[in-house]
Amino acid sequence: MRTKRRAALWLALVAACVLVITACSVPGGYSVAGLNKQPAAALTYPGSTDVQPWHFDGTRGNFMGKGGPAEVGVSATTSATPADVIAYYAGVLVPAGWTQIQDDPRNTVYPGRISHTVAWIKGGLSYTITIWTEAAATKYSTNLESTA
């Protein structure tokens, strides 16, 4: 009888640990390293300058909240038009199985700056490009993250 209680206690303890670990993990199932293995993670418009890769490790959830997924992307500058940059990304992503879900040419997320945002999804991933102009340059930022 005592052995059964001990086994039940250990089983309950293991189940509680699994629940805590699962609840505190980064949502989406992808780490920065896992996202960087995706072909879309390395996309940059040909001839871009000032290319700066970036990443966000995600935020772990807790019993009060879900947290946020890991993200990777690049920010860069080009002399191409925003339309050319969007056409390039669509021309690479759509044949690879990505589906466009957003096209917002009047995005005002950043105060004082109007940008063009286009987003695609594939499986449990989303890919977003945000493009704006500064002086004579076209600047853009990409973002790959899990939607799960």
C-alpha atoms as a PDB file:
ATOM      1  CA  MET A   1       0.000   0.000   0.000  1.00  0.00           C
ATOM      2  CA  ARG A   2       2.812   2.383   0.903  1.00  0.00           C
ATOM      3  CA  THR A   3       4.569   1.651  -2.412  1.00  0.00           C
ATOM      4  CA  LYS A   4       1.411   2.530  -4.348  1.00  0.00           C
ATOM      5  CA  ARG A   5       1.100   5.849  -2.511  1.00  0.00           C
ATOM      6  CA  ARG A   6       4.737   6.649  -3.188  1.00  0.00           C
ATOM      7  CA  ALA A   7       4.330   5.788  -6.881  1.00  0.00           C
ATOM      8  CA  ALA A   8       1.173   7.899  -7.104  1.00  0.00           C
ATOM      9  CA  LEU A   9       2.952  10.807  -5.410  1.00  0.00           C
ATOM     10  CA  TRP A  10       5.905  10.570  -7.820  1.00  0.00           C
ATOM     11  CA  LEU A  11       3.549  10.371 -10.796  1.00  0.00           C
ATOM     12  CA  ALA A  12       1.665  13.461  -9.599  1.00  0.00           C
ATOM     13  CA  LEU A  13       4.959  15.296  -9.089  1.00  0.00           C
ATOM     14  CA  VAL A  14       6.183  14.404 -12.593  1.00  0.00           C
ATOM     15  CA  ALA A  15       2.843  15.469 -14.109  1.00  0.00           C
ATOM     16  CA  ALA A  16       3.014  18.801 -12.248  1.00  0.00           C
ATOM     17  CA  CYS A  17       6.576  19.397 -13.504  1.00  0.00           C
ATOM     18  CA  VAL A  18       5.545  18.652 -17.095  1.00  0.00           C
ATOM     19  CA  LEU A  19       2.610  21.051 -16.747  1.00  0.00           C
ATOM     20  CA  VAL A  20       4.835  23.823 -15.366  1.00  0.00           C
ATOM     21  CA  ILE A  21       7.468  23.334 -18.084  1.00  0.00           C
ATOM     22  CA  THR A  22       4.837  23.299 -20.836  1.00  0.00           C
ATOM     23  CA  ALA A  23       3.050  26.351 -19.453  1.00  0.00           C
ATOM     24  CA  CYS A  24       6.321  28.280 -19.218  1.00  0.00           C
ATOM     25  CA  SER A  25       7.651  27.484 -22.687  1.00  0.00           C
ATOM     26  CA  VAL A  26       7.818  29.937 -25.568  1.00  0.00           C
ATOM     27  CA  PRO A  27       4.664  29.529 -27.679  1.00  0.00           C
ATOM     28  CA  GLY A  28       4.831  28.430 -31.276  1.00  0.00           C
ATOM     29  CA  GLY A  29       7.224  25.538 -30.942  1.00  0.00           C
ATOM     30  CA  TYR A  30      10.095  27.348 -32.702  1.00  0.00           C
ATOM     31  CA  SER A  31      13.272  28.745 -31.224  1.00  0.00           C
ATOM     32  CA  VAL A  32      15.381  31.366 -32.987  1.00  0.00           C
ATOM     33  CA  ALA A  33      17.666  28.533 -34.169  1.00  0.00           C
ATOM     34  CA  GLY A  34      14.670  26.616 -35.538  1.00  0.00           C
ATOM     35  CA  LEU A  35      13.331  29.664 -37.372  1.00  0.00           C
ATOM     36  CA  ASN A  36      16.759  30.402 -38.833  1.00  0.00           C
ATOM     37  CA  LYS A  37      16.688  26.952 -40.475  1.00  0.00           C
ATOM     38  CA  GLN A  38      13.664  28.023 -42.540  1.00  0.00           C
ATOM     39  CA  PRO A  39      14.580  29.192 -46.084  1.00  0.00           C
ATOM     40  CA  ALA A  40      12.476  32.353 -45.713  1.00  0.00           C
ATOM     41  CA  ALA A  41      14.560  33.516 -42.740  1.00  0.00           C
ATOM     42  CA  ALA A  42      17.510  34.480 -44.954  1.00  0.00           C
ATOM     43  CA  LEU A  43      15.579  36.337 -47.673  1.00  0.00           C
ATOM     44  CA  THR A  44      16.878  39.780 -48.575  1.00  0.00           C
ATOM     45  CA  TYR A  45      16.152  41.847 -51.649  1.00  0.00           C
ATOM     46  CA  PRO A  46      19.114  41.462 -54.067  1.00  0.00           C
ATOM     47  CA  GLY A  47      21.621  44.289 -53.767  1.00  0.00           C
ATOM     48  CA  SER A  48      20.329  45.474 -50.388  1.00  0.00           C
ATOM     49  CA  THR A  49      22.692  47.437 -48.177  1.00  0.00           C
ATOM     50  CA  ASP A  50      22.833  47.976 -44.431  1.00  0.00           C
ATOM     51  CA  VAL A  51      21.458  44.451 -43.944  1.00  0.00           C
ATOM     52  CA  GLN A  52      21.001  43.853 -40.229  1.00  0.00           C
ATOM     53  CA  PRO A  53      19.771  40.426 -39.094  1.00  0.00           C
ATOM     54  CA  TRP A  54      17.790  40.537 -35.870  1.00  0.00           C
ATOM     55  CA  HIS A  55      15.984  38.087 -33.608  1.00  0.00           C
ATOM     56  CA  PHE A  56      13.731  37.952 -30.591  1.00  0.00           C
ATOM     57  CA  ASP A  57      13.924  34.890 -28.335  1.00  0.00           C
ATOM     58  CA  GLY A  58      10.244  35.034 -27.450  1.00  0.00           C
ATOM     59  CA  THR A  59       8.683  35.407 -24.048  1.00  0.00           C
ATOM     60  CA  ARG A  60       7.832  32.473 -21.890  1.00  0.00           C
ATOM     61  CA  GLY A  61       4.281  31.996 -20.787  1.00  0.00           C
ATOM     62  CA  ASN A  62       3.253  31.558 -17.206  1.00  0.00           C
ATOM     63  CA  PHE A  63       0.061  30.579 -15.472  1.00  0.00           C
ATOM     64  CA  MET A  64      -1.323  34.073 -16.243  1.00  0.00           C
ATOM     65  CA  GLY A  65      -0.420  34.409 -19.925  1.00  0.00           C
ATOM     66  CA  LYS A  66       0.600  32.651 -23.099  1.00  0.00           C
ATOM     67  CA  GLY A  67       3.857  34.521 -23.830  1.00  0.00           C
ATOM     68  CA  GLY A  68       5.097  35.411 -27.310  1.00  0.00           C
ATOM     69  CA  PRO A  69       6.786  33.400 -30.086  1.00  0.00           C
ATOM     70  CA  ALA A  70      10.400  33.622 -31.168  1.00  0.00           C
ATOM     71  CA  GLU A  71      10.969  35.845 -34.220  1.00  0.00           C
ATOM     72  CA  VAL A  72      13.752  36.385 -36.767  1.00  0.00           C
ATOM     73  CA  GLY A  73      14.184  38.860 -39.591  1.00  0.00           C
ATOM     74  CA  VAL A  74      16.335  41.449 -41.287  1.00  0.00           C
ATOM     75  CA  SER A  75      16.210  45.177 -41.756  1.00  0.00           C
ATOM     76  CA  ALA A  76      17.837  46.632 -44.865  1.00  0.00           C
ATOM     77  CA  THR A  77      17.993  49.453 -47.384  1.00  0.00           C
ATOM     78  CA  THR A  78      17.703  49.373 -51.166  1.00  0.00           C
ATOM     79  CA  SER A  79      17.438  51.800 -54.063  1.00  0.00           C
ATOM     80  CA  ALA A  80      14.600  49.718 -55.566  1.00  0.00           C
ATOM     81  CA  THR A  81      10.996  50.869 -55.351  1.00  0.00           C
ATOM     82  CA  PRO A  82       8.724  49.441 -52.666  1.00  0.00           C
ATOM     83  CA  ALA A  83       6.676  47.786 -55.441  1.00  0.00           C
ATOM     84  CA  ASP A  84       9.800  46.019 -56.755  1.00  0.00           C
ATOM     85  CA  VAL A  85      10.679  44.756 -53.271  1.00  0.00           C
ATOM     86  CA  ILE A  86       7.150  43.451 -52.667  1.00  0.00           C
ATOM     87  CA  ALA A  87       7.117  41.768 -56.082  1.00  0.00           C
ATOM     88  CA  TYR A  88      10.430  40.056 -55.298  1.00  0.00           C
ATOM     89  CA  TYR A  89       9.189  38.641 -51.987  1.00  0.00           C
ATOM     90  CA  ALA A  90       5.872  37.518 -53.497  1.00  0.00           C
ATOM     91  CA  GLY A  91       7.786  35.917 -56.379  1.00  0.00           C
ATOM     92  CA  VAL A  92       9.911  33.891 -53.958  1.00  0.00           C
ATOM     93  CA  LEU A  93       7.366  33.059 -51.245  1.00  0.00           C
ATOM     94  CA  VAL A  94       4.234  32.179 -53.244  1.00  0.00           C
ATOM     95  CA  PRO A  95       5.925  29.478 -55.401  1.00  0.00           C
ATOM     96  CA  ALA A  96       7.357  28.036 -52.155  1.00  0.00           C
ATOM     97  CA  GLY A  97       3.818  27.480 -50.816  1.00  0.00           C
ATOM     98  CA  TRP A  98       3.218  30.709 -48.882  1.00  0.00           C
ATOM     99  CA  THR A  99      -0.258  32.315 -49.089  1.00  0.00           C
ATOM    100  CA  GLN A 100      -0.650  36.089 -48.915  1.00  0.00           C
ATOM    101  CA  ILE A 101      -3.015  37.153 -46.129  1.00  0.00           C
ATOM    102  CA  GLN A 102      -2.427  40.905 -45.844  1.00  0.00           C
ATOM    103  CA  ASP A 103      -1.608  43.850 -48.106  1.00  0.00           C
ATOM    104  CA  ASP A 104      -1.843  47.175 -46.291  1.00  0.00           C
ATOM    105  CA  PRO A 105      -0.309  50.098 -48.214  1.00  0.00           C
ATOM    106  CA  ARG A 106      -1.305  52.596 -45.496  1.00  0.00           C
ATOM    107  CA  ASN A 107       0.106  50.991 -42.355  1.00  0.00           C
ATOM    108  CA  THR A 108       0.642  53.630 -39.659  1.00  0.00           C
ATOM    109  CA  VAL A 109       2.000  51.467 -36.844  1.00  0.00           C
ATOM    110  CA  TYR A 110       4.983  53.788 -36.456  1.00  0.00           C
ATOM    111  CA  PRO A 111       3.779  57.353 -35.734  1.00  0.00           C
ATOM    112  CA  GLY A 112       4.776  59.814 -38.423  1.00  0.00           C
ATOM    113  CA  ARG A 113       5.600  57.118 -40.953  1.00  0.00           C
ATOM    114  CA  ILE A 114       3.331  55.442 -43.467  1.00  0.00           C
ATOM    115  CA  SER A 115       4.581  52.043 -44.544  1.00  0.00           C
ATOM    116  CA  HIS A 116       3.384  49.205 -46.746  1.00  0.00           C
ATOM    117  CA  THR A 117       2.943  45.877 -44.960  1.00  0.00           C
ATOM    118  CA  VAL A 118       2.455  42.545 -46.718  1.00  0.00           C
ATOM    119  CA  ALA A 119       2.097  39.217 -44.895  1.00  0.00           C
ATOM    120  CA  TRP A 120       2.061  35.546 -45.906  1.00  0.00           C
ATOM    121  CA  ILE A 121       1.394  32.305 -44.027  1.00  0.00           C
ATOM    122  CA  LYS A 122       2.570  28.744 -44.549  1.00  0.00           C
ATOM    123  CA  GLY A 123       1.701  25.987 -42.128  1.00  0.00           C
ATOM    124  CA  GLY A 124       2.269  27.353 -38.644  1.00  0.00           C
ATOM    125  CA  LEU A 125       4.527  30.212 -39.789  1.00  0.00           C
ATOM    126  CA  SER A 126       3.916  33.806 -40.806  1.00  0.00           C
ATOM    127  CA  TYR A 127       6.217  36.058 -42.820  1.00  0.00           C
ATOM    128  CA  THR A 128       5.773  39.824 -42.897  1.00  0.00           C
ATOM    129  CA  ILE A 129       7.589  42.579 -44.756  1.00  0.00           C
ATOM    130  CA  THR A 130       7.146  46.231 -43.866  1.00  0.00           C
ATOM    131  CA  ILE A 131       8.465  48.820 -46.364  1.00  0.00           C
ATOM    132  CA  TRP A 132       8.813  52.583 -46.139  1.00  0.00           C
ATOM    133  CA  THR A 133      10.809  55.351 -47.777  1.00  0.00           C
ATOM    134  CA  GLU A 134      13.277  57.735 -46.180  1.00  0.00           C
ATOM    135  CA  ALA A 135      14.705  60.441 -48.410  1.00  0.00           C
ATOM    136  CA  ALA A 136      15.584  58.615 -51.655  1.00  0.00           C
ATOM    137  CA  ALA A 137      16.000  55.191 -50.029  1.00  0.00           C
ATOM    138  CA  THR A 138      13.591  52.313 -49.596  1.00  0.00           C
ATOM    139  CA  LYS A 139      13.907  50.652 -46.192  1.00  0.00           C
ATOM    140  CA  TYR A 140      12.324  47.403 -45.176  1.00  0.00           C
ATOM    141  CA  SER A 141      12.084  44.968 -42.315  1.00  0.00           C
ATOM    142  CA  THR A 142      11.094  41.294 -42.432  1.00  0.00           C
ATOM    143  CA  ASN A 143       9.657  39.125 -39.689  1.00  0.00           C
ATOM    144  CA  LEU A 144       9.333  35.317 -39.560  1.00  0.00           C
ATOM    145  CA  GLU A 145       7.486  33.817 -36.601  1.00  0.00           C
ATOM    146  CA  SER A 146       5.305  30.935 -35.562  1.00  0.00           C
ATOM    147  CA  THR A 147       1.555  31.472 -35.584  1.00  0.00           C
ATOM    148  CA  ALA A 148       0.797  28.428 -33.460  1.00  0.00           C
END
